[in-house]
Amino acid sequence: MTSPASDEELSARQAALRAEAAEALAELDLAALVAGTGPMLFTGSYVSHLMCWPEVDVMVHAGAGFAPDDVLRLLQRIVEHPGVVGFDYRDERGPRSPTGTTRDERYHVPIAFARNGRDWRIDLTLWLNDPHTNLPAWHETLRDTITAGQRSAVLRIKDVWHRLPGYPDRIGGLQIYTAVIDDGVRTPEQFGTWLVAHGYPES
């Protein structure tokens, strides 16, 4: 049975993942591929420097007129890269909006990108009605205000939870940040208890 990674190892792993993410994004040249669609922004743990697995959240404000066939034309350009090995497509307009609001209508298109023996998830969101610039701003604030103890707790909990099937779509970073920063949770075991107390599934 392997020992849990130390705080220093988790921090070093985070830094290495973030550096590799920048290289993967440059190789895919996603910014050029989506340039005709709308401005591209990064959000999530790539911005907050709290990465624990090979995934990058990317947002593009495509606009209200962006249609499913436009998504397919964009994907046609993306899948021409030999490293792109798959994608998922979710039309989350109207009642399928993640929050039920018009503001959060989107196409959700996670892209599987294989590079140097590692499988990356490029979690692409195409927003229709709002650019959601508040999201990267929130993660920048998190990056700048999180304490060393909170950061270690977040990385340790993520190190356990990202291996579970429900991460990040059912249980993700937001729940971990809330538990650690607002409620003082510090260990994966405490986080499991926190999830139950707040009505979430544990995995």
Foldseek 3Di string as FASTA:
>chain_A
DDDADDLVVLLVQLVVLLVVLVVQCVLLVVCVLCVVQAHKDWFDCNLLSQDQAQETEMEGARAQPCDPVNVVVSVVVSPVPVQWDDKDWDQCAQCSFPVNDRQRGWIWIWIWGDDPNGTHTYTYIHTYHDRPPVRSVVSNVNSVPPDSQLSSQLSQLCNPPVVDPCPPPQPYSVLSSCCCVVPPDRHNVSSLVVCVVVVGDSD
